[in-house]
């Protein structure tokens, strides 16, 4: 069995749900990432992506300087453990139509696994793997 821990990234950024959309967008830009994990203390409460900011925030005329991440964050977070089967994690992504899963062990965030992470390792010749393995272009 191949585990989530073998593929997950530990390079992630967390932000509080009270942080603004503009703060998250700037963090994503500065860190060359497309998402932040939203936390309340030690608890994972969601993930906000650059697409969420555009579609759920800006396109809905929300002021990015005043709108809080918890206003656009999906509240039902599916998580996995680093000891979980990677194929089962991919099935969860498909079932819940998500592209990323926080990796939590003993209630503590330890990483993030994405479709791209799995593609790079499991299907290295795929287009998704090529895109995911490439350096950021921003």
Protein backbone atom coordinates (compact mmCIF):
# COMPACT_ATOMS: atom_id res chain seq x y z
CA UNK A 1 0.00 0.00 0.00
CA UNK A 2 1.23 3.45 -0.92
CA UNK A 3 0.41 6.01 1.78
CA UNK A 4 -0.65 9.64 1.67
CA UNK A 5 2.50 10.54 3.63
CA UNK A 6 4.64 9.45 0.69
CA UNK A 7 3.04 12.04 -1.61
CA UNK A 8 1.82 14.88 0.59
CA UNK A 9 3.44 18.26 0.68
CA UNK A 10 4.42 19.80 3.98
CA UNK A 11 4.95 23.18 2.34
CA UNK A 12 1.64 24.77 3.15
CA UNK A 13 0.33 28.03 4.46
CA UNK A 14 -2.36 28.40 7.09
CA UNK A 15 -4.44 31.47 7.76
CA UNK A 16 -7.14 32.36 10.24
CA UNK A 17 -10.74 32.53 9.05
CA UNK A 18 -10.82 36.20 10.06
CA UNK A 19 -8.04 37.10 7.63
CA UNK A 20 -9.15 38.99 4.52
CA UNK A 21 -9.32 37.79 0.94
CA UNK A 22 -6.66 40.29 -0.06
CA UNK A 23 -4.31 38.99 2.63
CA UNK A 24 -4.82 35.44 1.36
CA UNK A 25 -4.31 36.48 -2.27
CA UNK A 26 -1.08 38.25 -1.38
CA UNK A 27 0.13 35.25 0.62
CA UNK A 28 -0.60 32.97 -2.33
CA UNK A 29 1.27 35.31 -4.66
CA UNK A 30 4.25 35.68 -2.35
CA UNK A 31 4.46 31.94 -1.63
CA UNK A 32 3.74 30.89 -5.25
CA UNK A 33 0.85 28.67 -4.14
CA UNK A 34 -2.81 28.37 -5.13
CA UNK A 35 -4.42 27.72 -1.77
CA UNK A 36 -4.28 28.35 1.96
CA UNK A 37 -5.58 26.10 4.69
CA UNK A 38 -8.02 27.99 6.89
CA UNK A 39 -7.73 27.23 10.59
CA UNK A 40 -9.41 28.17 13.83
CA UNK A 41 -6.68 27.67 16.38
CA UNK A 42 -5.38 24.16 15.70
CA UNK A 43 -8.53 23.04 13.89
CA UNK A 44 -8.71 22.88 10.10
CA UNK A 45 -11.94 24.57 9.03
CA UNK A 46 -11.41 24.78 5.27
CA UNK A 47 -9.28 25.50 2.27
CA UNK A 48 -9.48 28.66 0.19
CA UNK A 49 -8.09 28.60 -3.32
CA UNK A 50 -7.26 31.41 -5.69
CA UNK A 51 -10.35 30.33 -7.65
CA UNK A 52 -12.53 30.64 -4.52
CA UNK A 53 -11.34 34.22 -4.07
CA UNK A 54 -12.20 35.03 -7.68
CA UNK A 55 -15.50 33.14 -7.98
CA UNK A 56 -16.97 33.23 -4.47
CA UNK A 57 -15.58 36.62 -3.51
CA UNK A 58 -14.72 39.09 -6.23
CA UNK A 59 -17.30 37.85 -8.77
CA UNK A 60 -19.98 38.22 -6.08
CA UNK A 61 -18.94 41.87 -5.51
CA UNK A 62 -17.43 41.14 -2.10
CA UNK A 63 -14.82 43.68 -1.06
CA UNK A 64 -11.54 41.73 -0.89
CA UNK A 65 -10.16 44.16 1.69
CA UNK A 66 -13.09 43.60 4.06
CA UNK A 67 -14.37 40.09 3.27
CA UNK A 68 -13.08 37.39 5.62
CA UNK A 69 -11.93 33.96 4.53
CA UNK A 70 -14.60 32.31 6.68
CA UNK A 71 -17.23 34.00 4.48
CA UNK A 72 -16.16 32.01 1.40
CA UNK A 73 -14.69 28.86 2.92
CA UNK A 74 -16.52 25.58 2.43
CA UNK A 75 -17.23 24.31 5.91
CA UNK A 76 -17.34 20.56 5.25
CA UNK A 77 -13.67 19.63 5.21
CA UNK A 78 -12.66 16.11 4.30
CA UNK A 79 -9.29 15.15 5.80
CA UNK A 80 -7.00 12.15 5.62
CA UNK A 81 -4.16 10.75 7.72
CA UNK A 82 -0.64 10.39 6.40
CA UNK A 83 -1.01 6.63 6.98
CA UNK A 84 -4.11 6.39 4.77
CA UNK A 85 -3.93 4.66 1.40
CA UNK A 86 -3.14 7.13 -1.41
CA UNK A 87 -5.61 5.44 -3.77
CA UNK A 88 -8.34 5.82 -1.12
CA UNK A 89 -7.42 9.53 -0.86
CA UNK A 90 -7.84 9.88 -4.63
CA UNK A 91 -11.23 8.18 -4.35
CA UNK A 92 -12.24 10.68 -1.64
CA UNK A 93 -11.25 13.55 -3.93
CA UNK A 94 -13.41 12.09 -6.67
CA UNK A 95 -16.36 11.41 -4.34
CA UNK A 96 -16.34 14.89 -2.79
CA UNK A 97 -15.25 16.72 -5.98
CA UNK A 98 -12.22 18.32 -4.30
CA UNK A 99 -8.68 18.64 -5.54
CA UNK A 100 -6.93 18.90 -2.20
CA UNK A 101 -7.20 17.18 1.17
CA UNK A 102 -5.64 18.39 4.42
CA UNK A 103 -3.56 15.68 6.09
CA UNK A 104 -4.25 15.57 9.82
CA UNK A 105 -2.72 13.31 12.45
CA UNK A 106 -3.79 13.37 16.09
CA UNK A 107 -5.80 16.52 15.37
CA UNK A 108 -2.75 18.37 14.03
CA UNK A 109 -2.32 19.56 10.44
CA UNK A 110 0.79 17.90 9.00
CA UNK A 111 0.41 18.36 5.27
CA UNK A 112 -1.75 18.61 2.20
CA UNK A 113 -2.25 16.16 -0.64
CA UNK A 114 -3.51 17.24 -4.03
CA UNK A 115 -4.55 15.59 -7.26
CA UNK A 116 -1.35 16.95 -8.72
CA UNK A 117 0.78 15.30 -6.01
CA UNK A 118 -0.82 11.95 -6.78
CA UNK A 119 -0.48 12.44 -10.54
CA UNK A 120 3.25 13.24 -10.32
CA UNK A 121 3.89 10.03 -8.40
CA UNK A 122 1.32 7.63 -9.85
CA UNK A 123 1.01 8.83 -13.47
CA UNK A 124 4.24 10.71 -14.20
CA UNK A 125 3.58 10.78 -17.97
CA UNK A 126 0.18 12.47 -17.62
CA UNK A 127 -0.47 16.09 -18.55
CA UNK A 128 -1.56 16.84 -14.97
CA UNK A 129 1.74 15.46 -13.68
CA UNK A 130 3.68 17.64 -16.15
CA UNK A 131 1.81 20.74 -15.07
CA UNK A 132 2.04 19.91 -11.36
CA UNK A 133 5.76 19.17 -11.48
CA UNK A 134 6.59 22.38 -13.37
CA UNK A 135 7.92 25.48 -11.62
CA UNK A 136 5.34 28.20 -10.95
CA UNK A 137 5.01 30.70 -13.79
CA UNK A 138 4.14 33.71 -11.69
